[in-house]
Amino acid sequence: MAKLSTLTASLLAAIVTAPVCAQPPDEVEYRGGRLNGMQNVPPSMTVDKGSVIIKTKKSQRRVEVLVQLEDMPAASVALHRGPRGMMGPQLLVLDQRVTNTWTGTTVLNQSEFDDVLAGNTYVQTTSMNPFNAIRAQAIAPPDRVLKGQAVGSGAGTGTVKLSYSVMIGTLNADVNLSGVPGRVTSVSLRTGSTTASTQLESFDPGVGNENWQLDADNWDDDLAPKVAQLLNCELFVVVATDAAPTGALAFKVVECDPPFDTMTSSPDNSQVVPPATNPSAGHLTLTMQSDGSVDYELTTDTPATTAEVRKGQPGSNGPVVFSLSGGPVNWAGQTAPLTQQQKDDLVAGQYYVETSDGTAASAKVRGQIETVEGTTSFGFGCSATGMPPALYSYDPAIVGQAFRLQFHDTEPGSLTALFIGVDINVAATKVPIEGVGDDCNLLVLPAAMATTVAGPDGSGDFTLAIPLDPSLFDGELFFQEVAASLAGFELSNAAAKKIK
């Protein structure tokens, strides 16, 4: 893996707070999915695959569709109306931009647009061979987040986090081990809880004996049942040591509880009931632990004597669920394990955070707690050497934390630059690269750049730090990765990252 590059906090602050980032939070949304033969009606046993991303704009009932195919070219690609397992009428016939890239934009009536938001639309391809048709239901969110739950009585402990991207068919995972006796010889994803079972993936060792990582591409490329096994919680992460080669520890892959293990809030004076008059704000991050407890970090720009998480809908006050430790402007700690009802209420958006100095309502700040959104990729890509490289992020972008962007499928050893911009929709930001093709454009107005060198497998990482500044909440960044080598230029699809 290529060496990490880091942007300074002050540079990121300047990018995120640019005025062009501002937009209503419910204005733009994304849907997407992976195209394959098994979603056809009836199913087709082709190994062809691809990705679809739909960008919706509510105020205009406008949809923008991008389809990137990875195998055989299609004769036509269209957006259809219909639920999973059923066929329906066409809403939009897409235009072919390059061999395997199709795009289209249209404005729908309210009923059609509501079906897009509800996941009742799909993309269908046709080809000269009717048995090679592939389809994808356009749904949201694009990623599934899972964890490992220890099984058996092996010595040592560990945490396991996994993320499967429906959008690009990748599986990422991290395993952190502690107190395992002997030397860890392997960590693998398997169909059973011992090394006697079928191995699906092998983890790479990270720093020391404790940290192991998995970055697996095209997990759905052979139509094998492994994706269904993963999402149905039928797989295991098995840790083997020299003392226990058949398995020293085993973890069953299960859904995260709650489904998204990180939640945030951006409290301010306007959300207090009744609204407070002082111009104050803050930012809260909650992280669910495997035992059901919650780690919290809260920062505010107004001193307070109490900080509490309460149950209540926006516009109404409610009882205290738990109190935060610290103050007067920085609060951090861990709660006792929550009950199942408390977890359900947290995920459902029933909780809010509120601080007070104990003297006047005018000194309060309040904010509803919500889940963190993931990454969506969109835009055009091009390559002088092969498939356009993929750029995506496994980590959420959270105020006060760092997150990692990963790239794959570049020319090994190529000089790779990450361009960071603020608005992908400004036409003037589409800068053509001479000699590569009409569709090979830089899609963002670069406000900053980081560089690294692609590894021998054509992959690498960038790590970006976000300052602990409440004003950055709900800001948006745009990224595009460009790789240059003797073979030519390669551009990834651009990726949008919303900060929580």
Protein backbone atom coordinates (compact mmCIF):
# COMPACT_ATOMS: atom_id res chain seq x y z
CA MET A 1 0.00 0.00 0.00
CA ALA A 2 1.35 3.45 -0.86
CA LYS A 3 2.53 5.77 1.88
CA LEU A 4 -0.21 8.00 3.34
CA SER A 5 -0.32 11.70 2.56
CA THR A 6 -1.98 14.21 4.92
CA LEU A 7 -3.46 17.66 4.27
CA THR A 8 -3.21 20.26 6.99
CA ALA A 9 -6.27 21.05 9.09
CA SER A 10 -6.22 24.72 8.14
CA LEU A 11 -6.28 23.90 4.43
CA LEU A 12 -9.28 21.61 4.82
CA ALA A 13 -11.08 24.26 6.87
CA ALA A 14 -10.65 26.75 4.06
CA ILE A 15 -12.07 24.30 1.52
CA VAL A 16 -15.08 23.11 3.51
CA THR A 17 -16.26 26.52 4.58
CA ALA A 18 -16.32 27.92 1.04
CA PRO A 19 -19.78 29.45 0.31
CA VAL A 20 -20.36 27.20 -2.72
CA CYS A 21 -20.76 24.21 -0.37
CA ALA A 22 -23.99 25.51 1.12
CA GLN A 23 -27.20 23.78 0.03
CA PRO A 24 -30.34 22.55 1.78
CA PRO A 25 -29.64 19.13 3.34
CA ASP A 26 -32.63 17.49 1.65
CA GLU A 27 -32.02 18.98 -1.80
CA VAL A 28 -29.66 16.39 -3.35
CA GLU A 29 -29.73 12.65 -2.68
CA TYR A 30 -28.16 9.58 -4.27
CA ARG A 31 -29.34 6.10 -5.14
CA GLY A 32 -27.32 3.32 -6.68
CA GLY A 33 -26.55 -0.34 -7.05
CA ARG A 34 -24.53 -3.05 -8.79
CA LEU A 35 -25.65 -4.44 -12.13
CA ASN A 36 -25.56 -8.22 -12.55
CA GLY A 37 -27.47 -10.98 -14.25
CA MET A 38 -29.17 -12.34 -11.15
CA GLN A 39 -31.43 -9.28 -10.88
CA ASN A 40 -32.87 -9.80 -14.36
CA VAL A 41 -36.43 -11.03 -14.80
CA PRO A 42 -35.86 -13.93 -15.39
CA PRO A 43 -32.24 -14.14 -14.10
CA SER A 44 -29.40 -14.48 -16.63
CA MET A 45 -26.23 -16.43 -15.79
CA THR A 46 -23.77 -13.89 -17.16
CA VAL A 47 -20.68 -12.72 -15.27
CA ASP A 48 -21.03 -9.19 -16.71
CA LYS A 49 -21.40 -6.46 -14.12
CA GLY A 50 -21.41 -2.68 -13.62
CA SER A 51 -22.44 0.18 -11.36
CA VAL A 52 -25.28 2.70 -11.45
CA ILE A 53 -25.55 5.99 -9.58
CA ILE A 54 -28.67 8.19 -9.64
CA LYS A 55 -28.45 11.78 -8.40
CA THR A 56 -31.80 13.36 -7.52
CA LYS A 57 -32.68 17.02 -6.99
CA LYS A 58 -35.98 17.33 -5.14
CA SER A 59 -36.94 20.91 -5.97
CA GLN A 60 -36.82 20.16 -9.72
CA ARG A 61 -37.78 16.43 -9.65
CA ARG A 62 -34.61 16.04 -11.69
CA VAL A 63 -32.61 12.80 -11.97
CA GLU A 64 -29.09 12.34 -13.36
CA VAL A 65 -28.05 8.77 -14.13
CA LEU A 66 -24.53 7.40 -14.60
CA VAL A 67 -23.91 3.77 -15.56
CA GLN A 68 -20.37 2.35 -15.70
CA LEU A 69 -20.12 -1.16 -17.18
CA GLU A 70 -17.08 -3.32 -16.50
CA ASP A 71 -17.30 -6.14 -19.04
CA MET A 72 -19.14 -6.60 -22.33
CA PRO A 73 -20.44 -3.38 -23.96
CA ALA A 74 -24.21 -2.92 -24.10
CA ALA A 75 -26.45 -2.13 -27.05
CA SER A 76 -28.68 0.10 -24.91
CA VAL A 77 -29.12 1.16 -21.29
CA ALA A 78 -32.32 2.58 -19.77
CA LEU A 79 -33.85 3.58 -16.45
CA HIS A 80 -37.12 1.74 -15.78
CA ARG A 81 -39.92 2.10 -13.27
CA GLY A 82 -40.62 -1.00 -11.22
CA PRO A 83 -39.90 -2.77 -7.92
CA ARG A 84 -37.34 -5.55 -7.49
CA GLY A 85 -38.35 -8.75 -9.30
CA MET A 86 -40.82 -7.03 -11.64
CA MET A 87 -40.54 -5.38 -15.06
CA GLY A 88 -41.77 -1.87 -15.78
CA PRO A 89 -41.87 0.94 -18.37
CA GLN A 90 -38.88 3.05 -19.41
CA LEU A 91 -38.38 6.44 -17.78
CA LEU A 92 -35.13 7.43 -19.51
CA VAL A 93 -32.97 6.02 -22.30
CA LEU A 94 -29.31 6.76 -21.57
CA ASP A 95 -26.73 8.08 -24.04
CA GLN A 96 -23.40 6.32 -24.57
CA ARG A 97 -20.48 8.63 -23.74
CA VAL A 98 -17.63 6.15 -24.21
CA THR A 99 -17.64 2.37 -24.71
CA ASN A 100 -18.88 1.36 -21.27
CA THR A 101 -20.10 4.68 -19.84
CA TRP A 102 -23.74 5.75 -20.23
CA THR A 103 -25.41 8.90 -18.88
CA GLY A 104 -28.75 10.66 -18.97
CA THR A 105 -30.77 13.42 -17.33
CA THR A 106 -34.52 13.97 -17.16
CA VAL A 107 -37.28 15.63 -15.16
CA LEU A 108 -40.00 13.27 -13.88
CA ASN A 109 -43.54 13.80 -12.70
CA GLN A 110 -44.13 13.61 -8.95
CA SER A 111 -45.31 9.98 -8.97
CA GLU A 112 -42.30 8.82 -11.00
CA PHE A 113 -39.90 10.83 -8.84
CA ASP A 114 -41.40 9.36 -5.66
CA ASP A 115 -40.69 5.88 -7.04
CA VAL A 116 -37.04 6.82 -7.57
CA LEU A 117 -36.77 7.93 -3.93
CA ALA A 118 -38.56 4.76 -2.76
CA GLY A 119 -36.17 2.43 -4.61
CA ASN A 120 -38.79 1.39 -7.17
CA THR A 121 -36.66 2.07 -10.24
CA TYR A 122 -33.98 -0.02 -11.92
CA VAL A 123 -31.42 0.19 -14.71
CA GLN A 124 -31.51 -2.47 -17.44
CA THR A 125 -28.99 -3.13 -20.22
CA THR A 126 -29.57 -4.96 -23.49
CA SER A 127 -26.96 -6.51 -25.76
CA MET A 128 -26.71 -8.50 -28.97
CA ASN A 129 -26.85 -11.63 -26.80
CA PRO A 130 -30.13 -11.60 -24.81
CA PHE A 131 -28.53 -13.86 -22.18
CA ASN A 132 -26.01 -11.12 -21.29
CA ALA A 133 -28.55 -8.58 -20.02
CA ILE A 134 -27.81 -7.18 -16.56
CA ARG A 135 -29.92 -5.12 -14.17
CA ALA A 136 -29.61 -3.17 -10.92
CA GLN A 137 -32.26 -1.88 -8.55
CA ALA A 138 -31.41 1.71 -7.57
CA ILE A 139 -31.56 1.81 -3.79
CA ALA A 140 -30.08 3.72 -0.85
CA PRO A 141 -27.93 3.71 1.15
CA PRO A 142 -25.19 2.20 -1.05
CA ASP A 143 -23.08 0.59 1.71
CA ARG A 144 -23.74 -2.15 4.26
CA VAL A 145 -21.79 -1.88 7.52
CA LEU A 146 -21.21 -5.04 9.58
CA LYS A 147 -19.18 -6.16 12.59
CA GLY A 148 -17.70 -9.34 14.07
CA GLN A 149 -19.21 -10.93 17.14
CA ALA A 150 -16.85 -13.26 19.06
CA VAL A 151 -17.91 -16.93 19.17
CA GLY A 152 -16.34 -19.77 21.15
CA SER A 153 -13.97 -19.47 24.09
CA GLY A 154 -10.61 -18.64 22.51
CA ALA A 155 -8.05 -16.59 24.41
CA GLY A 156 -7.72 -12.92 23.56
CA THR A 157 -10.14 -10.30 22.31
CA GLY A 158 -10.69 -8.26 19.17
CA THR A 159 -12.92 -5.89 17.22
CA VAL A 160 -14.00 -6.56 13.64
CA LYS A 161 -15.57 -3.97 11.32
CA LEU A 162 -16.61 -4.67 7.70
CA SER A 163 -18.13 -2.57 4.93
CA TYR A 164 -19.57 -3.90 1.66
CA SER A 165 -20.19 -1.34 -1.10
CA VAL A 166 -23.20 -2.14 -3.24
CA MET A 167 -22.07 0.67 -5.53
CA ILE A 168 -18.67 -0.67 -6.57
CA GLY A 169 -18.70 -4.24 -5.28
CA THR A 170 -15.82 -3.89 -2.81
CA LEU A 171 -15.41 -5.39 0.65
CA ASN A 172 -13.26 -3.65 3.28
CA ALA A 173 -12.56 -4.84 6.79
CA ASP A 174 -10.37 -4.09 9.80
CA VAL A 175 -9.50 -6.48 12.64
CA ASN A 176 -7.86 -5.23 15.84
CA LEU A 177 -6.62 -7.98 18.19
CA SER A 178 -5.48 -7.86 21.79
CA GLY A 179 -4.05 -10.47 24.18
CA VAL A 180 -3.96 -13.33 21.67
CA PRO A 181 -1.32 -15.84 22.86
CA GLY A 182 1.35 -16.84 20.37
CA ARG A 183 2.13 -15.37 16.94
CA VAL A 184 -0.85 -14.60 14.71
CA THR A 185 -0.20 -16.42 11.42
CA SER A 186 -3.35 -15.54 9.49
CA VAL A 187 -6.70 -13.76 9.62
CA SER A 188 -9.23 -14.88 7.03
CA LEU A 189 -12.88 -14.57 6.03
CA ARG A 190 -14.42 -18.06 5.89
CA THR A 191 -17.66 -19.97 5.56
CA GLY A 192 -17.11 -21.58 8.99
CA SER A 193 -15.52 -20.80 12.34
CA THR A 194 -12.30 -22.83 11.84
CA THR A 195 -9.58 -23.02 9.19
CA ALA A 196 -11.12 -26.32 8.05
CA SER A 197 -13.85 -24.26 6.30
CA THR A 198 -13.64 -22.59 2.88
CA GLN A 199 -11.50 -19.45 2.79
CA LEU A 200 -13.01 -16.55 0.84
CA GLU A 201 -10.49 -13.79 1.60
CA SER A 202 -7.18 -13.41 3.42
CA PHE A 203 -6.42 -10.31 5.49
CA ASP A 204 -3.13 -8.41 5.20
CA PRO A 205 -1.19 -7.69 8.42
CA GLY A 206 -1.06 -4.06 9.46
CA VAL A 207 1.08 -2.55 12.22
CA GLY A 208 2.37 -5.22 14.61
CA ASN A 209 0.56 -8.44 15.48
CA GLU A 210 -2.77 -6.78 16.27
CA ASN A 211 -4.03 -4.93 13.18
CA TRP A 212 -5.15 -6.74 10.01
CA GLN A 213 -6.89 -5.24 6.97
CA LEU A 214 -8.84 -6.46 3.96
CA ASP A 215 -9.41 -4.55 0.70
CA ALA A 216 -11.18 -6.84 -1.79
CA ASP A 217 -12.44 -5.69 -5.21
CA ASN A 218 -15.18 -7.11 -7.48
CA TRP A 219 -16.70 -9.22 -4.78
CA ASP A 220 -19.73 -9.92 -6.95
CA ASP A 221 -17.90 -10.68 -10.19
CA ASP A 222 -18.60 -14.44 -10.33
CA LEU A 223 -22.20 -14.45 -9.09
CA ALA A 224 -21.04 -16.69 -6.24
CA PRO A 225 -23.24 -16.86 -3.12
CA LYS A 226 -20.60 -15.14 -0.98
CA VAL A 227 -22.28 -11.70 -1.09
CA ALA A 228 -25.56 -13.23 0.09
CA GLN A 229 -23.66 -15.18 2.76
CA LEU A 230 -22.04 -11.96 3.96
CA LEU A 231 -25.26 -9.94 4.09
CA ASN A 232 -27.17 -12.85 5.65
CA CYS A 233 -24.56 -13.01 8.44
CA GLU A 234 -23.37 -16.53 7.57
CA LEU A 235 -19.60 -15.86 7.41
CA PHE A 236 -16.81 -15.84 9.99
CA VAL A 237 -13.50 -14.07 10.53
CA VAL A 238 -11.03 -16.68 11.81
CA VAL A 239 -7.75 -15.84 13.57
CA ALA A 240 -5.06 -18.58 13.46
CA THR A 241 -1.83 -18.64 15.48
CA ASP A 242 1.22 -20.87 15.52
CA ALA A 243 -0.16 -22.42 18.71
CA ALA A 244 -3.71 -22.84 17.33
CA PRO A 245 -3.49 -23.29 13.53
CA THR A 246 -7.13 -24.34 13.24
CA GLY A 247 -8.29 -21.09 14.85
CA ALA A 248 -7.46 -19.28 18.07
CA LEU A 249 -10.36 -16.81 17.76
CA ALA A 250 -13.48 -16.68 15.61
CA PHE A 251 -15.92 -13.85 14.94
CA LYS A 252 -19.34 -14.27 13.32
CA VAL A 253 -20.16 -11.46 10.86
CA VAL A 254 -23.37 -9.72 11.97
CA GLU A 255 -25.20 -6.48 11.27
CA CYS A 256 -23.95 -3.52 13.25
CA ASP A 257 -26.25 -2.74 16.16
CA PRO A 258 -27.22 -0.03 15.48
CA PRO A 259 -26.81 -0.39 11.68
CA PHE A 260 -24.58 2.70 11.53
CA ASP A 261 -22.15 2.70 14.42
CA THR A 262 -21.35 6.43 14.26
CA MET A 263 -23.87 9.24 14.79
CA THR A 264 -23.47 13.00 14.99
CA SER A 265 -25.27 16.21 15.88
CA SER A 266 -24.57 19.89 15.22
CA PRO A 267 -26.41 21.73 18.02
CA ASP A 268 -27.01 25.47 17.97
CA ASN A 269 -29.19 28.04 19.72
CA SER A 270 -32.02 27.92 17.13
CA GLN A 271 -33.02 24.32 18.02
CA VAL A 272 -33.65 25.06 21.71
CA VAL A 273 -37.34 24.99 22.76
CA PRO A 274 -38.11 27.88 22.98
CA PRO A 275 -35.21 29.15 20.76
CA ALA A 276 -32.28 30.70 22.60
CA THR A 277 -31.02 34.14 21.68
CA ASN A 278 -27.25 33.71 21.98
CA PRO A 279 -25.29 32.92 18.76
CA SER A 280 -23.74 29.61 19.89
CA ALA A 281 -23.12 26.20 18.30
CA GLY A 282 -21.33 22.90 18.82
CA HIS A 283 -20.67 19.42 17.43
CA LEU A 284 -21.27 15.95 18.89
CA THR A 285 -19.95 12.55 17.76
CA LEU A 286 -21.30 9.27 19.17
CA THR A 287 -19.66 5.90 18.45
CA MET A 288 -21.38 2.65 19.42
CA GLN A 289 -19.11 0.00 20.97
CA SER A 290 -19.51 -3.77 20.73
CA ASP A 291 -20.88 -4.01 24.30
CA GLY A 292 -23.62 -1.44 23.58
CA SER A 293 -21.90 1.46 25.32
CA VAL A 294 -21.40 4.78 23.52
CA ASP A 295 -18.23 6.86 23.26
CA TYR A 296 -19.02 10.57 22.97
CA GLU A 297 -17.17 13.78 22.11
CA LEU A 298 -18.89 17.17 22.30
CA THR A 299 -17.41 20.59 21.71
CA THR A 300 -19.28 23.90 22.00
CA ASP A 301 -18.30 27.53 21.66
CA THR A 302 -20.37 28.56 24.71
CA PRO A 303 -19.38 27.42 28.24
CA ALA A 304 -21.97 25.21 29.97
CA THR A 305 -22.37 23.47 33.31
CA THR A 306 -24.39 20.50 31.99
CA ALA A 307 -24.53 18.49 28.77
CA GLU A 308 -27.22 15.83 28.34
CA VAL A 309 -28.67 13.49 25.74
CA ARG A 310 -32.46 13.59 25.97
CA LYS A 311 -35.33 11.80 24.23
CA GLY A 312 -37.58 13.97 22.11
CA GLN A 313 -38.58 14.99 18.59
CA PRO A 314 -37.43 18.33 17.12
CA GLY A 315 -39.55 21.09 18.64
CA SER A 316 -40.38 19.25 21.87
CA ASN A 317 -38.52 18.75 25.15
CA GLY A 318 -38.00 15.34 26.75
CA PRO A 319 -36.40 13.43 29.65
CA VAL A 320 -32.67 12.86 30.18
CA VAL A 321 -31.30 9.56 28.79
CA PHE A 322 -27.69 10.05 29.92
CA SER A 323 -25.44 12.93 31.01
CA LEU A 324 -22.05 13.80 29.49
CA SER A 325 -18.88 14.28 31.50
CA GLY A 326 -16.50 17.21 31.12
CA GLY A 327 -17.07 20.85 30.33
CA PRO A 328 -17.35 23.72 30.13
CA VAL A 329 -16.79 23.54 26.32
CA ASN A 330 -15.25 20.07 25.78
CA TRP A 331 -17.08 16.91 26.89
CA ALA A 332 -15.85 13.34 26.37
CA GLY A 333 -16.39 9.89 27.87
CA GLN A 334 -18.25 6.60 27.59
CA THR A 335 -21.76 5.67 28.71
CA ALA A 336 -22.91 2.45 30.33
CA PRO A 337 -24.28 -0.13 27.84
CA LEU A 338 -27.59 1.05 26.37
CA THR A 339 -30.71 -1.06 26.44
CA GLN A 340 -32.08 -2.37 23.14
CA GLN A 341 -34.91 0.18 23.31
CA GLN A 342 -32.40 3.00 23.80
CA LYS A 343 -30.38 1.77 20.80
CA ASP A 344 -33.53 1.64 18.66
CA ASP A 345 -34.54 5.15 19.74
CA LEU A 346 -31.05 6.47 18.98
CA VAL A 347 -31.00 5.04 15.46
CA ALA A 348 -34.57 6.28 14.85
CA GLY A 349 -33.51 9.89 15.52
CA GLN A 350 -35.46 10.16 18.78
CA TYR A 351 -32.58 11.65 20.80
CA TYR A 352 -31.09 15.13 20.98
CA VAL A 353 -28.15 16.70 22.82
CA GLU A 354 -28.56 19.86 24.90
CA THR A 355 -26.18 21.98 26.99
CA SER A 356 -27.00 24.66 29.54
CA ASP A 357 -25.17 26.99 31.93
CA GLY A 358 -27.96 26.50 34.47
CA THR A 359 -29.02 30.11 34.60
CA ALA A 360 -30.94 31.11 31.48
CA ALA A 361 -32.57 29.53 28.42
CA SER A 362 -30.65 32.03 26.28
CA ALA A 363 -27.39 30.16 27.02
CA LYS A 364 -28.55 26.75 25.74
CA VAL A 365 -27.60 24.87 22.56
CA ARG A 366 -29.43 21.84 21.21
CA GLY A 367 -29.22 19.45 18.24
CA GLN A 368 -30.97 16.31 17.03
CA ILE A 369 -28.68 13.24 16.71
CA GLU A 370 -28.54 11.55 13.31
CA THR A 371 -26.63 8.83 11.46
CA VAL A 372 -23.54 9.54 9.37
CA GLU A 373 -23.88 9.39 5.61
CA GLY A 374 -21.42 7.37 3.57
CA THR A 375 -19.59 8.11 0.32
CA THR A 376 -21.15 8.27 -3.13
CA SER A 377 -19.10 8.14 -6.33
CA PHE A 378 -20.19 9.78 -9.57
CA GLY A 379 -18.86 11.52 -12.67
CA PHE A 380 -16.95 10.31 -15.74
CA GLY A 381 -13.67 8.43 -15.78
CA CYS A 382 -11.19 7.62 -18.50
CA SER A 383 -7.97 5.69 -18.93
CA ALA A 384 -5.26 5.43 -21.54
CA THR A 385 -4.25 2.01 -20.22
CA GLY A 386 -7.39 0.15 -19.14
CA MET A 387 -10.29 0.44 -16.71
CA PRO A 388 -10.58 3.88 -15.04
CA PRO A 389 -9.21 3.74 -11.49
CA ALA A 390 -11.71 3.64 -8.63
CA LEU A 391 -11.67 6.15 -5.76
CA TYR A 392 -13.74 5.56 -2.65
CA SER A 393 -13.71 5.91 1.13
CA TYR A 394 -14.41 3.30 3.79
CA ASP A 395 -14.47 5.82 6.64
CA PRO A 396 -17.12 8.49 7.30
CA ALA A 397 -16.01 12.14 7.25
CA ILE A 398 -16.59 13.43 10.78
CA VAL A 399 -15.65 16.77 12.29
CA GLY A 400 -12.54 16.36 14.44
CA GLN A 401 -11.50 13.03 12.90
CA ALA A 402 -9.43 11.76 9.97
CA PHE A 403 -10.69 9.60 7.15
CA ARG A 404 -8.96 7.60 4.44
CA LEU A 405 -9.54 7.71 0.68
CA GLN A 406 -8.40 4.67 -1.29
CA PHE A 407 -7.68 4.26 -5.00
CA HIS A 408 -7.38 1.10 -7.09
CA ASP A 409 -6.77 0.03 -10.70
CA THR A 410 -4.14 2.62 -11.57
CA GLU A 411 -0.92 1.87 -13.43
CA PRO A 412 1.52 0.40 -10.85
CA GLY A 413 4.15 2.92 -9.78
CA SER A 414 2.31 5.86 -11.36
CA LEU A 415 2.51 9.33 -9.81
CA THR A 416 -0.93 9.87 -8.30
CA ALA A 417 -2.50 13.18 -7.32
CA LEU A 418 -5.67 13.76 -5.33
CA PHE A 419 -7.46 16.95 -6.41
CA ILE A 420 -9.74 18.48 -3.79
CA GLY A 421 -12.49 20.85 -4.92
CA VAL A 422 -15.65 22.54 -3.81
CA ASP A 423 -18.23 22.28 -6.59
CA ILE A 424 -18.52 19.58 -9.21
CA ASN A 425 -21.49 21.21 -11.00
CA VAL A 426 -19.74 24.36 -12.25
CA ALA A 427 -19.21 23.90 -15.98
CA ALA A 428 -15.98 25.91 -15.96
CA THR A 429 -14.37 23.26 -13.76
CA LYS A 430 -14.40 20.63 -16.52
CA VAL A 431 -10.84 20.94 -17.78
CA PRO A 432 -10.00 18.67 -20.76
CA ILE A 433 -6.70 16.76 -20.78
CA GLU A 434 -5.16 16.96 -24.23
CA GLY A 435 -4.49 13.79 -26.18
CA VAL A 436 -6.58 11.44 -24.05
CA GLY A 437 -10.15 11.93 -25.20
CA ASP A 438 -13.13 14.29 -25.20
CA ASP A 439 -14.53 12.73 -22.04
CA CYS A 440 -11.29 12.91 -20.06
CA ASN A 441 -11.94 15.98 -17.92
CA LEU A 442 -10.93 17.21 -14.53
CA LEU A 443 -14.35 17.58 -12.94
CA VAL A 444 -13.51 19.75 -9.95
CA LEU A 445 -12.01 23.15 -9.35
CA PRO A 446 -8.90 22.17 -7.39
CA ALA A 447 -8.55 24.04 -4.13
CA ALA A 448 -5.78 21.74 -2.88
CA MET A 449 -3.80 18.71 -3.98
CA ALA A 450 -2.00 15.79 -2.32
CA THR A 451 0.33 13.36 -4.09
CA THR A 452 1.64 9.82 -3.63
CA VAL A 453 2.90 6.92 -5.75
CA ALA A 454 0.70 3.94 -6.64
CA GLY A 455 1.90 0.64 -5.22
CA PRO A 456 2.88 -2.45 -7.23
CA ASP A 457 -0.77 -3.51 -7.30
CA GLY A 458 -1.91 -0.11 -8.61
CA SER A 459 -3.50 0.98 -5.33
CA GLY A 460 -2.78 3.52 -2.60
CA ASP A 461 -4.19 5.72 0.14
CA PHE A 462 -4.67 9.34 1.10
CA THR A 463 -5.56 10.34 4.67
CA LEU A 464 -7.28 13.69 5.29
CA ALA A 465 -7.76 15.34 8.69
CA ILE A 466 -10.86 17.42 9.47
CA PRO A 467 -10.52 20.07 12.23
CA LEU A 468 -12.68 19.93 15.35
CA ASP A 469 -14.67 22.95 14.23
CA PRO A 470 -18.51 22.92 14.51
CA SER A 471 -18.84 25.28 11.53
CA LEU A 472 -17.65 22.49 9.21
CA PHE A 473 -20.74 20.33 9.86
CA ASP A 474 -22.73 19.59 6.66
CA GLY A 475 -19.93 20.93 4.43
CA GLU A 476 -19.15 19.04 1.23
CA LEU A 477 -15.85 18.13 -0.38
CA PHE A 478 -15.26 16.74 -3.87
CA PHE A 479 -12.33 14.58 -4.88
CA GLN A 480 -10.82 13.23 -8.07
CA GLU A 481 -7.70 11.10 -8.36
CA VAL A 482 -5.38 11.42 -11.38
CA ALA A 483 -2.57 8.97 -12.12
CA ALA A 484 0.21 9.73 -14.62
CA SER A 485 2.74 7.25 -16.01
CA LEU A 486 4.60 6.53 -19.24
CA ALA A 487 1.44 4.77 -20.43
CA GLY A 488 -0.65 7.95 -20.13
CA PHE A 489 -3.24 9.52 -17.83
CA GLU A 490 -5.97 7.83 -15.80
CA LEU A 491 -8.82 9.60 -14.02
CA SER A 492 -11.01 8.14 -11.31
CA ASN A 493 -14.68 8.97 -11.03
CA ALA A 494 -15.14 11.95 -8.75
CA ALA A 495 -16.33 11.27 -5.19
CA ALA A 496 -18.44 13.53 -2.98
CA LYS A 497 -17.96 13.49 0.78
CA LYS A 498 -20.39 15.17 3.19
CA ILE A 499 -19.01 16.06 6.59
CA LYS A 500 -20.95 15.09 9.70
